[in-house]
Amino acid sequence: MPVRPPRICSCGKVVASGERCACQVVRDRERKARFDKTRPNARQRGYTRDWDKARAEFLAGNPICRYCPAPANVADHIKPHRGDMRLFWSRSNWQPLCTRCHSSIKQSRERHL
């Protein structure tokens, strides 16, 4: 299987195929920190005690992950609600997922929206 050659980062360093330059890691960390400063906390976004109860009830009725046969432990919003509380509480917009599928499949699909 062919291996891609190393590339030159914008900072001038040679970076092996499939790896990230240290300057990119630092830049991403700084960008995420700036975003986190402006992002409301979970409770402000609607994840309150009422959500915890509704989530537990939903997962009790839907115990299996939508993508694999693992037990579901995340009540995920199919369409991101982005602060729309009507969409947030719409149970037709919820799906049961395991942590692995939520962190991989779902996040990958959401990036392409």
Protein backbone atom coordinates (compact mmCIF):
# COMPACT_ATOMS: atom_id res chain seq x y z
CA MET A 1 0.00 0.00 0.00
CA PRO A 2 1.55 3.33 -1.04
CA VAL A 3 2.40 5.88 1.63
CA ARG A 4 1.87 9.55 0.98
CA PRO A 5 5.00 11.67 1.11
CA PRO A 6 5.57 14.19 3.91
CA ARG A 7 4.23 17.70 3.41
CA ILE A 8 5.49 21.14 4.30
CA CYS A 9 3.37 23.02 6.84
CA SER A 10 2.64 26.72 6.42
CA CYS A 11 5.16 27.37 9.22
CA GLY A 12 7.88 25.70 7.10
CA LYS A 13 8.29 22.43 9.02
CA VAL A 14 8.19 19.05 7.31
CA VAL A 15 5.27 16.97 8.62
CA ALA A 16 4.90 13.22 8.11
CA SER A 17 1.86 11.92 6.27
CA GLY A 18 -1.17 11.54 8.53
CA GLU A 19 0.30 13.71 11.30
CA ARG A 20 -0.36 17.30 12.32
CA CYS A 21 2.22 20.00 12.86
CA ALA A 22 2.60 21.33 16.41
CA CYS A 23 1.66 24.81 15.20
CA GLN A 24 -1.69 23.45 13.90
CA VAL A 25 -2.41 21.78 17.24
CA VAL A 26 -1.70 25.05 19.10
CA ARG A 27 -3.82 27.07 16.64
CA ASP A 28 -6.76 24.65 17.01
CA ARG A 29 -6.50 24.71 20.80
CA GLU A 30 -6.57 28.54 20.80
CA ARG A 31 -9.53 28.62 18.39
CA LYS A 32 -11.51 26.20 20.57
CA ALA A 33 -10.70 28.23 23.71
CA ARG A 34 -12.00 31.41 22.03
CA PHE A 35 -15.21 29.61 21.04
CA ASP A 36 -15.71 28.16 24.53
CA LYS A 37 -15.53 31.64 26.09
CA THR A 38 -18.59 32.75 24.09
CA ARG A 39 -20.56 29.50 24.30
CA PRO A 40 -23.33 29.30 26.92
CA ASN A 41 -22.97 26.51 29.47
CA ALA A 42 -25.05 23.33 29.24
CA ARG A 43 -27.79 24.55 31.58
CA GLN A 44 -28.13 27.79 29.60
CA ARG A 45 -28.48 25.72 26.41
CA GLY A 46 -31.47 23.84 27.87
CA TYR A 47 -29.88 20.76 29.45
CA THR A 48 -31.67 21.17 32.80
CA ARG A 49 -33.12 18.75 35.34
CA ASP A 50 -36.23 18.50 33.13
CA TRP A 51 -34.00 17.39 30.25
CA ASP A 52 -32.30 14.81 32.47
CA LYS A 53 -35.69 13.31 33.35
CA ALA A 54 -36.98 13.33 29.76
CA ARG A 55 -33.69 11.84 28.52
CA ALA A 56 -33.82 9.00 31.08
CA GLU A 57 -37.43 8.25 30.15
CA PHE A 58 -36.60 8.28 26.43
CA LEU A 59 -33.61 5.95 26.86
CA ALA A 60 -35.67 3.57 29.01
CA GLY A 61 -38.10 3.20 26.09
CA ASN A 62 -35.32 3.13 23.46
CA PRO A 63 -32.46 1.12 25.00
CA ILE A 64 -30.55 0.17 21.81
CA CYS A 65 -28.30 2.46 19.73
CA ARG A 66 -29.73 3.42 16.35
CA TYR A 67 -26.47 2.59 14.51
CA CYS A 68 -25.20 -0.52 16.32
CA PRO A 69 -26.51 -3.17 18.77
CA ALA A 70 -24.85 -1.52 21.81
CA PRO A 71 -26.89 -0.15 24.72
CA ALA A 72 -27.84 3.49 24.16
CA ASN A 73 -26.75 6.03 26.75
CA VAL A 74 -27.09 9.29 24.76
CA ALA A 75 -30.36 10.92 23.73
CA ASP A 76 -29.17 12.76 20.64
CA HIS A 77 -30.89 15.48 18.64
CA ILE A 78 -31.10 14.27 15.03
CA LYS A 79 -31.23 17.81 13.68
CA PRO A 80 -29.10 20.20 15.78
CA HIS A 81 -31.47 22.50 17.67
CA ARG A 82 -29.06 25.47 17.80
CA GLY A 83 -31.04 27.07 20.62
CA ASP A 84 -34.52 26.45 19.15
CA MET A 85 -36.35 25.14 22.23
CA ARG A 86 -39.28 23.81 20.18
CA LEU A 87 -36.88 21.61 18.21
CA PHE A 88 -34.94 20.82 21.40
CA TRP A 89 -38.03 19.29 23.11
CA SER A 90 -39.46 17.61 19.99
CA ARG A 91 -39.17 13.88 20.72
CA SER A 92 -39.43 13.11 17.01
CA ASN A 93 -36.02 14.83 16.76
CA TRP A 94 -34.39 12.51 19.34
CA GLN A 95 -32.52 9.29 18.67
CA PRO A 96 -30.87 6.79 21.03
CA LEU A 97 -27.11 6.42 20.51
CA CYS A 98 -24.21 4.80 22.31
CA THR A 99 -21.31 7.09 23.20
CA ARG A 100 -19.08 5.56 20.53
CA CYS A 101 -21.55 6.21 17.69
CA HIS A 102 -22.41 9.68 19.01
CA SER A 103 -18.73 10.63 19.13
CA SER A 104 -17.85 9.21 15.72
CA ILE A 105 -20.66 8.60 13.21
CA LYS A 106 -22.97 11.38 14.37
CA GLN A 107 -20.26 14.02 14.73
CA SER A 108 -18.85 13.16 11.31
CA ARG A 109 -22.28 13.53 9.69
CA GLU A 110 -22.93 16.80 11.50
CA ARG A 111 -19.67 18.31 10.22
CA HIS A 112 -20.94 17.84 6.66
CA LEU A 113 -24.24 19.67 7.22
